[in-house]
Amino acid sequence: MSLSFKSIPLKEFLESHNKDYADSKVFGLEEFKEKVQEHLESFDKNKGQNEKAIVANVFALFL
């Protein structure tokens, strides 16, 4: 028995297999966008921090 693959257009693949990623509500993308916006607005305040503190503040968005 040999394997065979059906080639499908990329758009069709993305629509069928990655539907959850396309729906921003599934993974809270809107909430994440709001957090990123808040971070960007306060970035000037954090400019005096060292590099490790700035990186830690960025990763805090993912928690």
PDB file of N, CA and C in Angstrom:
ATOM      1  N   MET A   1       0.843  -1.173   0.000  1.00  0.00           N
ATOM      2  CA  MET A   1       0.000   0.000   0.000  1.00  0.00           C
ATOM      3  C   MET A   1       0.893   1.243   0.000  1.00  0.00           C
ATOM      4  N   SER A   2       0.687   2.109  -0.939  1.00  0.00           N
ATOM      5  CA  SER A   2       1.500   3.317  -1.018  1.00  0.00           C
ATOM      6  C   SER A   2       0.686   4.523  -0.559  1.00  0.00           C
ATOM      7  N   LEU A   3       1.405   5.493  -0.107  1.00  0.00           N
ATOM      8  CA  LEU A   3       0.759   6.738   0.318  1.00  0.00           C
ATOM      9  C   LEU A   3       0.571   7.650  -0.873  1.00  0.00           C
ATOM     10  N   SER A   4      -0.530   8.338  -0.876  1.00  0.00           N
ATOM     11  CA  SER A   4      -0.735   9.352  -1.916  1.00  0.00           C
ATOM     12  C   SER A   4      -1.295  10.601  -1.250  1.00  0.00           C
ATOM     13  N   PHE A   5      -0.941  11.730  -1.769  1.00  0.00           N
ATOM     14  CA  PHE A   5      -1.350  13.007  -1.205  1.00  0.00           C
ATOM     15  C   PHE A   5      -2.112  13.812  -2.236  1.00  0.00           C
ATOM     16  N   LYS A   6      -3.164  14.422  -1.785  1.00  0.00           N
ATOM     17  CA  LYS A   6      -3.946  15.293  -2.650  1.00  0.00           C
ATOM     18  C   LYS A   6      -3.492  16.726  -2.394  1.00  0.00           C
ATOM     19  N   SER A   7      -3.076  17.380  -3.421  1.00  0.00           N
ATOM     20  CA  SER A   7      -2.641  18.763  -3.299  1.00  0.00           C
ATOM     21  C   SER A   7      -3.863  19.676  -3.251  1.00  0.00           C
ATOM     22  N   ILE A   8      -3.882  20.536  -2.232  1.00  0.00           N
ATOM     23  CA  ILE A   8      -4.985  21.502  -2.135  1.00  0.00           C
ATOM     24  C   ILE A   8      -4.396  22.902  -2.072  1.00  0.00           C
ATOM     25  N   PRO A   9      -5.152  23.886  -2.514  1.00  0.00           N
ATOM     26  CA  PRO A   9      -4.654  25.266  -2.452  1.00  0.00           C
ATOM     27  C   PRO A   9      -4.404  25.693  -1.003  1.00  0.00           C
ATOM     28  N   LEU A  10      -3.418  26.545  -0.809  1.00  0.00           N
ATOM     29  CA  LEU A  10      -3.060  27.010   0.526  1.00  0.00           C
ATOM     30  C   LEU A  10      -4.262  27.630   1.235  1.00  0.00           C
ATOM     31  N   LYS A  11      -5.014  28.448   0.529  1.00  0.00           N
ATOM     32  CA  LYS A  11      -6.165  29.104   1.147  1.00  0.00           C
ATOM     33  C   LYS A  11      -7.153  28.077   1.700  1.00  0.00           C
ATOM     34  N   GLU A  12      -7.400  27.035   0.934  1.00  0.00           N
ATOM     35  CA  GLU A  12      -8.324  25.985   1.382  1.00  0.00           C
ATOM     36  C   GLU A  12      -7.774  25.276   2.622  1.00  0.00           C
ATOM     37  N   PHE A  13      -6.474  25.018   2.634  1.00  0.00           N
ATOM     38  CA  PHE A  13      -5.847  24.381   3.791  1.00  0.00           C
ATOM     39  C   PHE A  13      -5.997  25.246   5.032  1.00  0.00           C
ATOM     40  N   LEU A  14      -5.677  26.524   4.891  1.00  0.00           N
ATOM     41  CA  LEU A  14      -5.757  27.416   6.040  1.00  0.00           C
ATOM     42  C   LEU A  14      -7.179  27.540   6.559  1.00  0.00           C
ATOM     43  N   GLU A  15      -8.137  27.597   5.666  1.00  0.00           N
ATOM     44  CA  GLU A  15      -9.527  27.727   6.087  1.00  0.00           C
ATOM     45  C   GLU A  15     -10.024  26.470   6.786  1.00  0.00           C
ATOM     46  N   SER A  16      -9.610  25.308   6.318  1.00  0.00           N
ATOM     47  CA  SER A  16     -10.144  24.069   6.881  1.00  0.00           C
ATOM     48  C   SER A  16      -9.389  23.583   8.114  1.00  0.00           C
ATOM     49  N   HIS A  17      -8.077  23.696   8.120  1.00  0.00           N
ATOM     50  CA  HIS A  17      -7.284  23.116   9.199  1.00  0.00           C
ATOM     51  C   HIS A  17      -6.880  24.114  10.278  1.00  0.00           C
ATOM     52  N   ASN A  18      -6.963  25.377  10.008  1.00  0.00           N
ATOM     53  CA  ASN A  18      -6.546  26.383  10.984  1.00  0.00           C
ATOM     54  C   ASN A  18      -7.670  27.353  11.306  1.00  0.00           C
ATOM     55  N   LYS A  19      -8.895  26.877  11.268  1.00  0.00           N
ATOM     56  CA  LYS A  19     -10.046  27.743  11.508  1.00  0.00           C
ATOM     57  C   LYS A  19      -9.961  28.403  12.883  1.00  0.00           C
ATOM     58  N   ASP A  20      -9.526  27.638  13.897  1.00  0.00           N
ATOM     59  CA  ASP A  20      -9.444  28.195  15.246  1.00  0.00           C
ATOM     60  C   ASP A  20      -8.484  29.379  15.313  1.00  0.00           C
ATOM     61  N   TYR A  21      -7.394  29.321  14.545  1.00  0.00           N
ATOM     62  CA  TYR A  21      -6.442  30.428  14.548  1.00  0.00           C
ATOM     63  C   TYR A  21      -7.030  31.662  13.883  1.00  0.00           C
ATOM     64  N   ALA A  22      -7.883  31.449  12.918  1.00  0.00           N
ATOM     65  CA  ALA A  22      -8.497  32.578  12.221  1.00  0.00           C
ATOM     66  C   ALA A  22      -9.533  33.268  13.090  1.00  0.00           C
ATOM     67  N   ASP A  23     -10.103  32.541  14.041  1.00  0.00           N
ATOM     68  CA  ASP A  23     -11.114  33.111  14.929  1.00  0.00           C
ATOM     69  C   ASP A  23     -10.406  33.667  16.158  1.00  0.00           C
ATOM     70  N   SER A  24     -10.240  34.969  16.215  1.00  0.00           N
ATOM     71  CA  SER A  24      -9.456  35.582  17.286  1.00  0.00           C
ATOM     72  C   SER A  24     -10.073  35.378  18.659  1.00  0.00           C
ATOM     73  N   LYS A  25     -11.363  35.129  18.729  1.00  0.00           N
ATOM     74  CA  LYS A  25     -12.006  34.949  20.025  1.00  0.00           C
ATOM     75  C   LYS A  25     -11.582  33.642  20.683  1.00  0.00           C
ATOM     76  N   VAL A  26     -11.199  32.641  19.890  1.00  0.00           N
ATOM     77  CA  VAL A  26     -10.843  31.337  20.440  1.00  0.00           C
ATOM     78  C   VAL A  26      -9.636  31.441  21.359  1.00  0.00           C
ATOM     79  N   PHE A  27      -8.625  32.166  20.960  1.00  0.00           N
ATOM     80  CA  PHE A  27      -7.401  32.244  21.738  1.00  0.00           C
ATOM     81  C   PHE A  27      -7.228  33.582  22.455  1.00  0.00           C
ATOM     82  N   GLY A  28      -8.271  34.382  22.545  1.00  0.00           N
ATOM     83  CA  GLY A  28      -8.183  35.641  23.266  1.00  0.00           C
ATOM     84  C   GLY A  28      -7.290  36.659  22.596  1.00  0.00           C
ATOM     85  N   LEU A  29      -7.257  36.657  21.285  1.00  0.00           N
ATOM     86  CA  LEU A  29      -6.368  37.560  20.563  1.00  0.00           C
ATOM     87  C   LEU A  29      -6.708  39.023  20.835  1.00  0.00           C
ATOM     88  N   GLU A  30      -7.987  39.325  20.958  1.00  0.00           N
ATOM     89  CA  GLU A  30      -8.367  40.718  21.214  1.00  0.00           C
ATOM     90  C   GLU A  30      -7.815  41.186  22.559  1.00  0.00           C
ATOM     91  N   GLU A  31      -7.904  40.328  23.557  1.00  0.00           N
ATOM     92  CA  GLU A  31      -7.367  40.674  24.876  1.00  0.00           C
ATOM     93  C   GLU A  31      -5.857  40.874  24.792  1.00  0.00           C
ATOM     94  N   PHE A  32      -5.179  40.004  24.038  1.00  0.00           N
ATOM     95  CA  PHE A  32      -3.736  40.129  23.867  1.00  0.00           C
ATOM     96  C   PHE A  32      -3.386  41.433  23.164  1.00  0.00           C
ATOM     97  N   LYS A  33      -4.153  41.797  22.126  1.00  0.00           N
ATOM     98  CA  LYS A  33      -3.908  43.055  21.413  1.00  0.00           C
ATOM     99  C   LYS A  33      -4.039  44.242  22.354  1.00  0.00           C
ATOM    100  N   GLU A  34      -5.034  44.191  23.256  1.00  0.00           N
ATOM    101  CA  GLU A  34      -5.213  45.277  24.220  1.00  0.00           C
ATOM    102  C   GLU A  34      -4.014  45.375  25.156  1.00  0.00           C
ATOM    103  N   LYS A  35      -3.506  44.219  25.604  1.00  0.00           N
ATOM    104  CA  LYS A  35      -2.333  44.220  26.481  1.00  0.00           C
ATOM    105  C   LYS A  35      -1.115  44.793  25.767  1.00  0.00           C
ATOM    106  N   VAL A  36      -0.936  44.420  24.506  1.00  0.00           N
ATOM    107  CA  VAL A  36       0.191  44.946  23.732  1.00  0.00           C
ATOM    108  C   VAL A  36       0.065  46.458  23.596  1.00  0.00           C
ATOM    109  N   GLN A  37      -1.132  46.934  23.314  1.00  0.00           N
ATOM    110  CA  GLN A  37      -1.349  48.375  23.182  1.00  0.00           C
ATOM    111  C   GLN A  37      -1.022  49.091  24.490  1.00  0.00           C
ATOM    112  N   GLU A  38      -1.454  48.522  25.620  1.00  0.00           N
ATOM    113  CA  GLU A  38      -1.135  49.111  26.923  1.00  0.00           C
ATOM    114  C   GLU A  38       0.372  49.150  27.142  1.00  0.00           C
ATOM    115  N   HIS A  39       1.054  48.072  26.747  1.00  0.00           N
ATOM    116  CA  HIS A  39       2.506  48.024  26.919  1.00  0.00           C
ATOM    117  C   HIS A  39       3.189  49.084  26.057  1.00  0.00           C
ATOM    118  N   LEU A  40       2.738  49.232  24.823  1.00  0.00           N
ATOM    119  CA  LEU A  40       3.342  50.229  23.943  1.00  0.00           C
ATOM    120  C   LEU A  40       3.129  51.635  24.477  1.00  0.00           C
ATOM    121  N   GLU A  41       1.961  51.872  25.062  1.00  0.00           N
ATOM    122  CA  GLU A  41       1.679  53.194  25.613  1.00  0.00           C
ATOM    123  C   GLU A  41       2.564  53.504  26.811  1.00  0.00           C
ATOM    124  N   SER A  42       2.939  52.472  27.571  1.00  0.00           N
ATOM    125  CA  SER A  42       3.774  52.701  28.753  1.00  0.00           C
ATOM    126  C   SER A  42       5.261  52.462  28.480  1.00  0.00           C
ATOM    127  N   PHE A  43       5.616  52.210  27.232  1.00  0.00           N
ATOM    128  CA  PHE A  43       7.004  51.896  26.905  1.00  0.00           C
ATOM    129  C   PHE A  43       7.941  53.049  27.251  1.00  0.00           C
ATOM    130  N   ASP A  44       7.515  54.283  27.009  1.00  0.00           N
ATOM    131  CA  ASP A  44       8.362  55.433  27.323  1.00  0.00           C
ATOM    132  C   ASP A  44       8.724  55.457  28.802  1.00  0.00           C
ATOM    133  N   LYS A  45       7.776  55.055  29.636  1.00  0.00           N
ATOM    134  CA  LYS A  45       8.009  55.037  31.075  1.00  0.00           C
ATOM    135  C   LYS A  45       9.092  54.020  31.438  1.00  0.00           C
ATOM    136  N   ASN A  46       9.187  52.953  30.662  1.00  0.00           N
ATOM    137  CA  ASN A  46      10.119  51.871  30.977  1.00  0.00           C
ATOM    138  C   ASN A  46      11.468  52.002  30.278  1.00  0.00           C
ATOM    139  N   LYS A  47      11.680  53.065  29.520  1.00  0.00           N
ATOM    140  CA  LYS A  47      12.930  53.192  28.760  1.00  0.00           C
ATOM    141  C   LYS A  47      14.165  53.240  29.642  1.00  0.00           C
ATOM    142  N   GLY A  48      14.030  53.715  30.869  1.00  0.00           N
ATOM    143  CA  GLY A  48      15.178  53.813  31.759  1.00  0.00           C
ATOM    144  C   GLY A  48      15.591  52.487  32.371  1.00  0.00           C
ATOM    145  N   GLN A  49      14.795  51.457  32.194  1.00  0.00           N
ATOM    146  CA  GLN A  49      15.106  50.155  32.776  1.00  0.00           C
ATOM    147  C   GLN A  49      16.204  49.461  31.976  1.00  0.00           C
ATOM    148  N   ASN A  50      16.828  48.498  32.624  1.00  0.00           N
ATOM    149  CA  ASN A  50      17.852  47.749  31.897  1.00  0.00           C
ATOM    150  C   ASN A  50      17.198  46.763  30.938  1.00  0.00           C
ATOM    151  N   GLU A  51      18.010  46.149  30.102  1.00  0.00           N
ATOM    152  CA  GLU A  51      17.489  45.274  29.045  1.00  0.00           C
ATOM    153  C   GLU A  51      16.705  44.091  29.609  1.00  0.00           C
ATOM    154  N   LYS A  52      17.185  43.484  30.693  1.00  0.00           N
ATOM    155  CA  LYS A  52      16.493  42.331  31.271  1.00  0.00           C
ATOM    156  C   LYS A  52      15.102  42.713  31.764  1.00  0.00           C
ATOM    157  N   ALA A  53      14.962  43.882  32.357  1.00  0.00           N
ATOM    158  CA  ALA A  53      13.656  44.320  32.850  1.00  0.00           C
ATOM    159  C   ALA A  53      12.699  44.583  31.695  1.00  0.00           C
ATOM    160  N   ILE A  54      13.201  45.160  30.622  1.00  0.00           N
ATOM    161  CA  ILE A  54      12.352  45.424  29.452  1.00  0.00           C
ATOM    162  C   ILE A  54      11.870  44.103  28.851  1.00  0.00           C
ATOM    163  N   VAL A  55      12.772  43.127  28.716  1.00  0.00           N
ATOM    164  CA  VAL A  55      12.391  41.822  28.169  1.00  0.00           C
ATOM    165  C   VAL A  55      11.380  41.144  29.086  1.00  0.00           C
ATOM    166  N   ALA A  56      11.581  41.229  30.393  1.00  0.00           N
ATOM    167  CA  ALA A  56      10.638  40.629  31.344  1.00  0.00           C
ATOM    168  C   ALA A  56       9.261  41.262  31.206  1.00  0.00           C
ATOM    169  N   ASN A  57       9.206  42.567  31.006  1.00  0.00           N
ATOM    170  CA  ASN A  57       7.918  43.245  30.825  1.00  0.00           C
ATOM    171  C   ASN A  57       7.224  42.775  29.555  1.00  0.00           C
ATOM    172  N   VAL A  58       7.985  42.520  28.511  1.00  0.00           N
ATOM    173  CA  VAL A  58       7.389  42.032  27.261  1.00  0.00           C
ATOM    174  C   VAL A  58       6.834  40.630  27.463  1.00  0.00           C
ATOM    175  N   PHE A  59       7.608  39.754  28.111  1.00  0.00           N
ATOM    176  CA  PHE A  59       7.135  38.383  28.317  1.00  0.00           C
ATOM    177  C   PHE A  59       5.958  38.321  29.278  1.00  0.00           C
ATOM    178  N   ALA A  60       5.801  39.318  30.117  1.00  0.00           N
ATOM    179  CA  ALA A  60       4.653  39.345  31.032  1.00  0.00           C
ATOM    180  C   ALA A  60       3.338  39.370  30.263  1.00  0.00           C
ATOM    181  N   LEU A  61       3.364  39.853  29.032  1.00  0.00           N
ATOM    182  CA  LEU A  61       2.150  39.876  28.209  1.00  0.00           C
ATOM    183  C   LEU A  61       1.622  38.475  27.945  1.00  0.00           C
ATOM    184  N   PHE A  62       2.507  37.481  27.928  1.00  0.00           N
ATOM    185  CA  PHE A  62       2.103  36.120  27.591  1.00  0.00           C
ATOM    186  C   PHE A  62       1.612  35.326  28.793  1.00  0.00           C
ATOM    187  N   LEU A  63       1.746  35.889  29.978  1.00  0.00           N
ATOM    188  CA  LEU A  63       1.320  35.160  31.186  1.00  0.00           C
ATOM    189  C   LEU A  63      -0.138  35.366  31.482  1.00  0.00           C
TER     190      LEU A  63
END
